[in-house]
Amino acid sequence: MKVLVLNCGSSSLKCQLIDMEKKERIMKGHYERIGGSRSSLRFNVRGNKTVIEHPARDFDEAISEILSLLVSEEYEVIKDFSEIGAVGHRIVHGGEKFKNSVIVDSDVIKAIEDCVTLAPLHNPAGLAGIHACEKLLPGVPMVTVFDTAFHQTLPEKAFIYQLPYKYYEEHRIRKYGFHGISHRYVSERISEILGRKDLKVINCHLGQGASLCAIKNGISVDTTMGLTPLAGIPMGTRCGDVDPSIIPTVMKLYDIKPDEMLRIMNKESGAWGVSGVSTDFRDIERMALAGDERSILALESRAYIIAQYIAKFVVTLNGVDCITFAGGIGENGFEERERICKYLGCFGVELDLEKNKIRGEEAKISTDNSKVDVYIVPTNEELVIASDAYELTKNK
């Protein structure tokens, strides 16, 4: 069976076509600036890459363009749409409703709609992808895989906020956590690598968005993101945790409305806000290497806070067997890994500085004397989505 994986963002679409029998990725695409006049698609078929300039006003047009390319004679990806056995959709927020991936039906769509208030930027895009596939691939079963589902195992003491309890009772205001698909993949993969299921793992998914997850015996027991992806550690443009009183204080000082304040915390903060250099960590790394003080501060402060959260999760797990790094920066940023691990010597973490100087490879990067294993485990969220879609629909 071939599974089409779709990950719809607010104005972008990432997709893959995966042959589940061969565990082979046939096609990878990234549609950018959907809704604008300059939207384009980066299209990769079995390693042959091209960029296609094709305006797409909405997800219907973007997905339609991708499907037409799949069956075109030029690319010869598939002969016809009957080869697509299922579609897997990444949905950011499933609230408390979804603890596992599910086949899409009207009740599932309604439940995703009910969570729009919890993820106003992301869930509408996921729904748009579902509705587009209903039109363009009628009869093909669809499966939703939720970023929040892996964290539905959090105990109440970990997910409740110390606010009036009625906020939780009436509106389900609580910690949900995100990046669950990635944390789940890394948890399963490190268990395979070490040949153990009884592991205490702290996974660091570090990219433009970033979160940590405390995983015990394959189960998420705590994570850094909260009601929304804004909470936790500082990110590329998100502030992470701050003193809540800062928000009304800044709003009064600068006469800022709530929506604008939220935009600033999501889009103008984090490493970009402190460094003033770029939203790209590679640019900030280069400026830090050149001695730029604010870039150095942005990176050092971030690493310091991440290390503190790792320490917090050691308490949560009552120990730690392994620390894993995933995500674009976690997998490729050897400088970031070194900055974080230098704070963790009190737990017996000892990084091998030479082994650490690799990018994007699965590898152990701690010394043989380290009391805690440290690994790079490149994540594969698309494979998780495709696998769930395959397992739920293969007998349909």
Protein backbone atom coordinates (compact mmCIF):
# COMPACT_ATOMS: atom_id res chain seq x y z
CA MET A 1 0.00 0.00 0.00
CA LYS A 2 1.08 3.56 -0.75
CA VAL A 3 0.14 6.18 1.85
CA LEU A 4 -0.01 9.90 1.14
CA VAL A 5 1.05 11.90 4.21
CA LEU A 6 -0.12 15.50 4.50
CA ASN A 7 1.01 18.09 7.04
CA CYS A 8 -0.92 21.32 6.52
CA GLY A 9 0.43 24.48 8.16
CA SER A 10 -1.12 27.92 8.20
CA SER A 11 0.26 28.74 4.72
CA SER A 12 2.33 25.70 3.79
CA LEU A 13 1.90 22.03 3.01
CA LYS A 14 4.44 19.27 3.54
CA CYS A 15 3.70 15.93 1.94
CA GLN A 16 5.21 12.52 1.30
CA LEU A 17 4.16 9.41 -0.56
CA ILE A 18 5.43 6.30 1.20
CA ASP A 19 5.36 2.70 -0.02
CA MET A 20 4.61 0.83 3.20
CA GLU A 21 5.54 -2.61 1.88
CA LYS A 22 9.02 -1.41 0.94
CA LYS A 23 9.23 1.26 3.69
CA GLU A 24 10.37 3.55 0.89
CA ARG A 25 9.69 7.25 0.47
CA ILE A 26 8.74 7.78 -3.17
CA MET A 27 7.92 11.49 -3.14
CA LYS A 28 8.52 14.43 -0.86
CA GLY A 29 7.05 17.89 -1.37
CA HIS A 30 6.86 21.24 0.36
CA TYR A 31 4.35 23.81 -0.87
CA GLU A 32 5.11 27.30 0.44
CA ARG A 33 3.18 30.59 0.61
CA ILE A 34 -0.19 29.02 -0.13
CA GLY A 35 -2.73 31.79 -0.67
CA GLY A 36 -0.18 34.16 -2.21
CA SER A 37 0.77 34.95 -5.78
CA ARG A 38 4.30 33.57 -5.36
CA SER A 39 3.48 30.12 -3.95
CA SER A 40 5.83 27.36 -5.07
CA LEU A 41 6.40 23.65 -4.60
CA ARG A 42 9.70 21.97 -3.86
CA PHE A 43 9.19 18.51 -5.35
CA ASN A 44 11.48 15.52 -4.78
CA VAL A 45 10.79 12.22 -6.56
CA ARG A 46 13.21 9.42 -5.64
CA GLY A 47 16.00 11.93 -5.12
CA ASN A 48 15.32 14.02 -8.24
CA LYS A 49 14.59 17.54 -7.01
CA THR A 50 12.85 20.42 -8.72
CA VAL A 51 11.09 23.67 -7.80
CA ILE A 52 7.73 24.32 -9.43
CA GLU A 53 6.32 27.86 -9.45
CA HIS A 54 2.57 27.37 -9.31
CA PRO A 55 0.21 29.75 -7.46
CA ALA A 56 -2.20 27.99 -5.11
CA ARG A 57 -5.00 30.06 -3.60
CA ASP A 58 -5.90 27.41 -1.01
CA PHE A 59 -5.22 23.83 0.06
CA ASP A 60 -7.61 22.47 -2.58
CA GLU A 61 -5.43 23.94 -5.32
CA ALA A 62 -2.17 22.95 -3.63
CA ILE A 63 -3.21 19.33 -3.11
CA SER A 64 -4.73 19.20 -6.60
CA GLU A 65 -1.41 20.31 -8.09
CA ILE A 66 0.51 17.69 -6.11
CA LEU A 67 -1.89 14.94 -7.16
CA SER A 68 -1.67 15.96 -10.82
CA LEU A 69 2.13 15.75 -10.62
CA LEU A 70 1.94 12.28 -9.08
CA VAL A 71 0.09 10.88 -12.11
CA SER A 72 1.87 12.99 -14.75
CA GLU A 73 4.00 11.22 -17.37
CA GLU A 74 6.87 13.58 -16.59
CA TYR A 75 7.42 12.25 -13.06
CA GLU A 76 5.91 8.73 -13.29
CA VAL A 77 5.26 8.49 -9.56
CA ILE A 78 2.05 6.45 -9.80
CA LYS A 79 -0.16 5.34 -12.69
CA ASP A 80 -3.42 6.51 -11.16
CA PHE A 81 -4.97 7.47 -7.83
CA SER A 82 -6.08 3.89 -7.12
CA GLU A 83 -2.49 3.25 -5.99
CA ILE A 84 -3.04 5.56 -3.00
CA GLY A 85 -4.45 3.27 -0.34
CA ALA A 86 -4.81 5.85 2.43
CA VAL A 87 -4.12 9.45 3.39
CA GLY A 88 -2.57 10.29 6.76
CA HIS A 89 -3.12 13.80 8.15
CA ARG A 90 -1.10 15.41 10.91
CA ILE A 91 -3.48 17.30 13.18
CA VAL A 92 -1.91 19.50 15.83
CA HIS A 93 -4.59 19.49 18.54
CA GLY A 94 -6.92 16.67 19.53
CA GLY A 95 -7.69 17.93 23.03
CA GLU A 96 -8.63 15.21 25.50
CA LYS A 97 -10.76 13.44 22.90
CA PHE A 98 -8.03 11.56 21.05
CA LYS A 99 -5.48 9.31 22.70
CA ASN A 100 -4.68 7.46 19.47
CA SER A 101 -4.84 7.91 15.72
CA VAL A 102 -8.29 7.38 14.19
CA ILE A 103 -10.01 6.91 10.84
CA VAL A 104 -11.69 10.12 9.70
CA ASP A 105 -15.47 10.34 9.86
CA SER A 106 -17.95 13.12 10.55
CA ASP A 107 -17.58 12.75 14.33
CA VAL A 108 -13.79 13.07 14.09
CA ILE A 109 -14.11 16.18 11.94
CA LYS A 110 -16.52 17.71 14.46
CA ALA A 111 -14.14 16.96 17.34
CA ILE A 112 -11.23 18.59 15.47
CA GLU A 113 -13.44 21.63 14.85
CA ASP A 114 -14.19 21.77 18.58
CA CYS A 115 -10.44 22.08 19.23
CA VAL A 116 -9.97 25.06 16.90
CA THR A 117 -10.07 27.45 19.87
CA LEU A 118 -7.08 25.57 21.31
CA ALA A 119 -5.10 25.68 18.04
CA PRO A 120 -6.52 28.53 15.93
CA LEU A 121 -3.55 28.64 13.55
CA HIS A 122 -3.13 24.92 12.98
CA ASN A 123 -6.39 22.96 13.24
CA PRO A 124 -8.20 24.93 10.50
CA ALA A 125 -5.35 24.11 8.13
CA GLY A 126 -5.56 20.42 9.02
CA LEU A 127 -9.30 20.48 8.42
CA ALA A 128 -8.76 22.19 5.07
CA GLY A 129 -6.47 19.32 4.06
CA ILE A 130 -9.09 16.75 5.05
CA HIS A 131 -11.86 18.52 3.13
CA ALA A 132 -9.62 18.88 0.06
CA CYS A 133 -8.93 15.14 0.04
CA GLU A 134 -12.63 14.38 0.42
CA LYS A 135 -13.15 16.19 -2.90
CA LEU A 136 -10.01 15.11 -4.74
CA LEU A 137 -9.65 11.52 -3.49
CA PRO A 138 -13.23 10.40 -2.86
CA GLY A 139 -13.46 6.98 -1.27
CA VAL A 140 -9.81 6.86 -0.15
CA PRO A 141 -9.76 6.28 3.63
CA MET A 142 -8.15 8.97 5.74
CA VAL A 143 -6.52 8.79 9.15
CA THR A 144 -5.75 11.62 11.57
CA VAL A 145 -2.60 11.44 13.68
CA PHE A 146 -2.58 13.94 16.55
CA ASP A 147 0.43 15.81 17.89
CA THR A 148 -1.21 15.87 21.33
CA ALA A 149 -2.16 12.17 21.52
CA PHE A 150 1.20 10.87 22.83
CA HIS A 151 0.92 13.20 25.82
CA GLN A 152 -2.54 12.05 26.90
CA THR A 153 -0.77 9.73 29.34
CA LEU A 154 0.38 12.68 31.46
CA PRO A 155 -0.83 12.32 35.05
CA GLU A 156 -3.18 15.01 36.33
CA LYS A 157 -0.49 16.46 38.61
CA ALA A 158 1.62 17.11 35.49
CA PHE A 159 -1.05 18.64 33.26
CA ILE A 160 -3.09 20.76 35.69
CA TYR A 161 -2.36 24.49 36.04
CA GLN A 162 -2.49 26.17 39.44
CA LEU A 163 -5.39 28.34 38.34
CA PRO A 164 -9.04 28.19 39.44
CA TYR A 165 -10.10 24.60 38.77
CA LYS A 166 -13.26 25.75 36.97
CA TYR A 167 -11.10 26.78 34.00
CA TYR A 168 -10.24 23.12 33.53
CA GLU A 169 -13.74 21.86 34.32
CA GLU A 170 -15.50 24.27 32.00
CA HIS A 171 -12.97 24.87 29.21
CA ARG A 172 -10.34 22.14 29.57
CA ILE A 173 -7.54 24.66 30.18
CA ARG A 174 -4.57 22.37 30.89
CA LYS A 175 -1.19 21.29 29.57
CA TYR A 176 -1.53 19.25 26.38
CA GLY A 177 1.96 19.20 24.89
CA PHE A 178 2.95 18.94 21.24
CA HIS A 179 5.57 17.33 18.98
CA GLY A 180 4.03 14.08 20.22
CA ILE A 181 4.51 12.30 16.89
CA SER A 182 8.24 13.05 16.97
CA HIS A 183 8.62 12.18 20.67
CA ARG A 184 6.81 8.89 20.05
CA TYR A 185 9.07 7.99 17.12
CA VAL A 186 12.26 8.74 19.04
CA SER A 187 11.01 6.80 22.07
CA GLU A 188 10.32 3.72 19.96
CA ARG A 189 13.57 4.04 18.01
CA ILE A 190 15.86 4.45 21.05
CA SER A 191 14.17 1.42 22.61
CA GLU A 192 15.12 -0.55 19.47
CA ILE A 193 18.68 0.78 19.51
CA LEU A 194 19.29 -0.10 23.17
CA GLY A 195 17.21 -3.28 23.10
CA ARG A 196 15.20 -2.21 26.15
CA LYS A 197 11.67 -1.06 26.85
CA ASP A 198 12.25 -0.15 30.52
CA LEU A 199 13.94 3.15 29.75
CA LYS A 200 13.88 6.60 31.31
CA VAL A 201 14.39 8.92 28.32
CA ILE A 202 14.47 12.70 27.98
CA ASN A 203 13.97 13.59 24.34
CA CYS A 204 14.96 17.05 23.12
CA HIS A 205 13.09 17.94 19.93
CA LEU A 206 14.91 21.11 18.94
CA GLY A 207 13.99 23.10 15.87
CA GLN A 208 12.27 26.39 15.15
CA GLY A 209 9.63 24.97 17.45
CA ALA A 210 11.14 23.03 20.34
CA SER A 211 10.03 20.88 23.24
CA LEU A 212 11.32 18.30 25.69
CA CYS A 213 9.53 15.16 26.77
CA ALA A 214 10.08 12.91 29.79
CA ILE A 215 9.37 9.35 28.69
CA LYS A 216 9.18 6.36 31.04
CA ASN A 217 8.87 2.86 29.58
CA GLY A 218 7.67 4.36 26.29
CA ILE A 219 5.03 6.54 27.96
CA SER A 220 5.02 10.35 28.03
CA VAL A 221 4.87 11.51 31.66
CA ASP A 222 5.67 15.20 31.18
CA THR A 223 6.56 17.70 28.46
CA THR A 224 7.47 21.36 28.15
CA MET A 225 4.80 22.78 25.82
CA GLY A 226 1.47 23.53 27.43
CA LEU A 227 -2.03 24.55 26.40
CA THR A 228 -0.36 25.88 23.24
CA PRO A 229 3.04 25.41 21.58
CA LEU A 230 4.15 28.78 23.01
CA ALA A 231 5.07 27.40 26.43
CA GLY A 232 8.26 25.71 27.61
CA ILE A 233 11.77 26.33 26.36
CA PRO A 234 12.66 29.35 24.17
CA MET A 235 12.43 28.66 20.44
CA GLY A 236 13.28 30.31 17.14
CA THR A 237 10.64 33.06 17.42
CA ARG A 238 8.62 31.93 20.48
CA CYS A 239 9.49 33.14 23.98
CA GLY A 240 8.68 29.97 25.92
CA ASP A 241 7.94 30.37 29.63
CA VAL A 242 7.99 33.93 30.99
CA ASP A 243 6.70 35.64 34.12
CA PRO A 244 2.97 36.08 33.30
CA SER A 245 3.03 39.61 34.74
CA ILE A 246 5.38 40.67 31.94
CA ILE A 247 2.52 40.39 29.45
CA PRO A 248 0.12 43.02 30.87
CA THR A 249 3.11 45.19 31.82
CA VAL A 250 4.43 45.30 28.23
CA MET A 251 0.91 45.76 26.86
CA LYS A 252 0.45 48.86 29.00
CA LEU A 253 3.94 50.26 28.30
CA TYR A 254 3.58 49.98 24.52
CA ASP A 255 -0.23 50.20 24.20
CA ILE A 256 -0.41 46.71 22.68
CA LYS A 257 -3.65 44.78 22.17
CA PRO A 258 -3.93 41.09 23.18
CA ASP A 259 -3.72 39.68 19.64
CA GLU A 260 -0.65 41.79 18.89
CA MET A 261 1.01 40.72 22.15
CA LEU A 262 0.36 37.10 21.28
CA ARG A 263 1.86 37.65 17.82
CA ILE A 264 4.99 39.19 19.34
CA MET A 265 5.47 36.25 21.71
CA ASN A 266 4.99 33.78 18.87
CA LYS A 267 6.70 35.55 15.97
CA GLU A 268 9.21 38.11 17.32
CA SER A 269 10.63 36.50 20.46
CA GLY A 270 12.93 33.58 21.26
CA ALA A 271 16.39 33.53 19.67
CA TRP A 272 15.25 36.03 17.05
CA GLY A 273 13.96 38.44 19.67
CA VAL A 274 17.12 38.36 21.78
CA SER A 275 19.71 38.26 18.98
CA GLY A 276 17.97 40.57 16.51
CA VAL A 277 19.88 38.71 13.80
CA SER A 278 17.57 36.23 12.10
CA THR A 279 14.87 33.61 12.55
CA ASP A 280 17.41 31.06 11.27
CA PHE A 281 19.60 29.52 13.97
CA ARG A 282 22.41 28.99 11.47
CA ASP A 283 22.70 32.76 11.02
CA ILE A 284 22.71 33.27 14.78
CA GLU A 285 25.40 30.61 15.18
CA ARG A 286 27.56 32.37 12.59
CA MET A 287 27.15 35.72 14.30
CA ALA A 288 27.93 34.18 17.69
CA LEU A 289 31.09 32.64 16.26
CA ALA A 290 32.03 36.09 14.99
CA GLY A 291 31.64 37.45 18.53
CA ASP A 292 28.24 39.12 18.37
CA GLU A 293 27.27 39.50 22.03
CA ARG A 294 23.48 39.31 21.62
CA SER A 295 23.75 36.18 19.47
CA ILE A 296 25.97 34.57 22.10
CA LEU A 297 23.45 35.59 24.79
CA ALA A 298 20.51 34.17 22.83
CA LEU A 299 22.19 30.79 22.36
CA GLU A 300 23.70 30.51 25.84
CA SER A 301 20.46 31.51 27.55
CA ARG A 302 18.50 28.96 25.50
CA ALA A 303 20.96 26.15 26.29
CA TYR A 304 20.91 27.08 30.00
CA ILE A 305 17.10 26.88 30.13
CA ILE A 306 17.01 23.60 28.19
CA ALA A 307 19.54 22.08 30.61
CA GLN A 308 17.41 23.26 33.54
CA TYR A 309 14.38 21.52 32.05
CA ILE A 310 16.39 18.35 31.57
CA ALA A 311 17.29 18.52 35.26
CA LYS A 312 13.62 19.00 36.10
CA PHE A 313 12.71 15.92 34.09
CA VAL A 314 15.41 13.87 35.84
CA VAL A 315 13.36 14.53 38.98
CA THR A 316 10.16 13.62 37.13
CA LEU A 317 11.62 10.29 36.02
CA ASN A 318 13.59 9.67 39.24
CA GLY A 319 16.71 9.26 37.12
CA VAL A 320 17.56 9.12 33.44
CA ASP A 321 19.04 6.39 31.22
CA CYS A 322 19.28 8.29 27.97
CA ILE A 323 19.08 11.82 26.56
CA THR A 324 18.16 12.02 22.89
CA PHE A 325 18.36 14.89 20.41
CA ALA A 326 15.99 15.21 17.45
CA GLY A 327 14.57 17.94 15.20
CA GLY A 328 16.48 20.13 12.77
CA ILE A 329 18.73 21.76 15.37
CA GLY A 330 18.90 18.74 17.67
CA GLU A 331 20.07 16.57 14.78
CA ASN A 332 22.40 19.06 13.07
CA GLY A 333 23.50 21.61 15.67
CA PHE A 334 26.53 20.05 17.36
CA GLU A 335 27.28 23.42 18.97
CA GLU A 336 23.82 23.46 20.57
CA ARG A 337 24.21 19.91 21.90
CA GLU A 338 27.59 20.79 23.40
CA ARG A 339 26.25 23.96 25.03
CA ILE A 340 23.42 22.01 26.67
CA CYS A 341 25.43 19.01 27.82
CA LYS A 342 28.14 21.09 29.49
CA TYR A 343 25.60 21.85 32.25
CA LEU A 344 24.74 18.19 32.85
CA GLY A 345 27.97 16.88 34.33
CA CYS A 346 26.33 16.72 37.76
CA PHE A 347 24.20 13.84 36.42
CA GLY A 348 27.22 12.01 35.03
CA VAL A 349 26.65 13.14 31.44
CA GLU A 350 29.92 13.14 29.51
CA LEU A 351 29.79 14.16 25.86
CA ASP A 352 32.40 12.91 23.40
CA LEU A 353 33.24 16.18 21.66
CA GLU A 354 34.61 14.47 18.53
CA LYS A 355 31.70 12.06 18.13
CA ASN A 356 29.36 14.99 18.64
CA LYS A 357 30.69 16.81 15.55
CA ILE A 358 28.26 15.18 13.15
CA ARG A 359 25.07 16.37 11.51
CA GLY A 360 21.89 14.47 10.80
CA GLU A 361 23.15 11.00 11.61
CA GLU A 362 21.86 8.48 14.14
CA ALA A 363 24.70 8.04 16.60
CA LYS A 364 25.78 7.71 20.21
CA ILE A 365 27.69 10.87 21.13
CA SER A 366 28.45 10.26 24.82
CA THR A 367 31.69 8.73 26.06
CA ASP A 368 31.94 5.14 27.27
CA ASN A 369 32.37 6.51 30.81
CA SER A 370 29.20 8.61 30.70
CA LYS A 371 26.61 7.51 33.26
CA VAL A 372 23.87 8.64 30.87
CA ASP A 373 23.77 7.66 27.20
CA VAL A 374 23.40 10.58 24.79
CA TYR A 375 22.15 9.88 21.26
CA ILE A 376 21.19 11.72 18.12
CA VAL A 377 18.01 10.10 16.78
CA PRO A 378 16.79 11.80 13.58
CA THR A 379 13.03 11.94 13.84
CA ASN A 380 10.62 10.61 11.23
CA GLU A 381 7.13 11.94 11.90
CA GLU A 382 5.95 11.09 8.39
CA LEU A 383 6.75 7.41 8.88
CA VAL A 384 4.71 7.37 12.11
CA ILE A 385 1.76 8.96 10.32
CA ALA A 386 2.04 6.59 7.37
CA SER A 387 2.37 3.55 9.65
CA ASP A 388 -0.72 4.48 11.64
CA ALA A 389 -2.68 5.13 8.44
CA TYR A 390 -1.56 1.77 7.06
CA GLU A 391 -2.40 -0.21 10.17
CA LEU A 392 -5.86 1.35 10.53
CA THR A 393 -6.88 0.97 6.90
CA LYS A 394 -5.05 -2.05 5.49
CA ASN A 395 -8.08 -4.30 5.93
CA LYS A 396 -10.63 -1.76 4.74
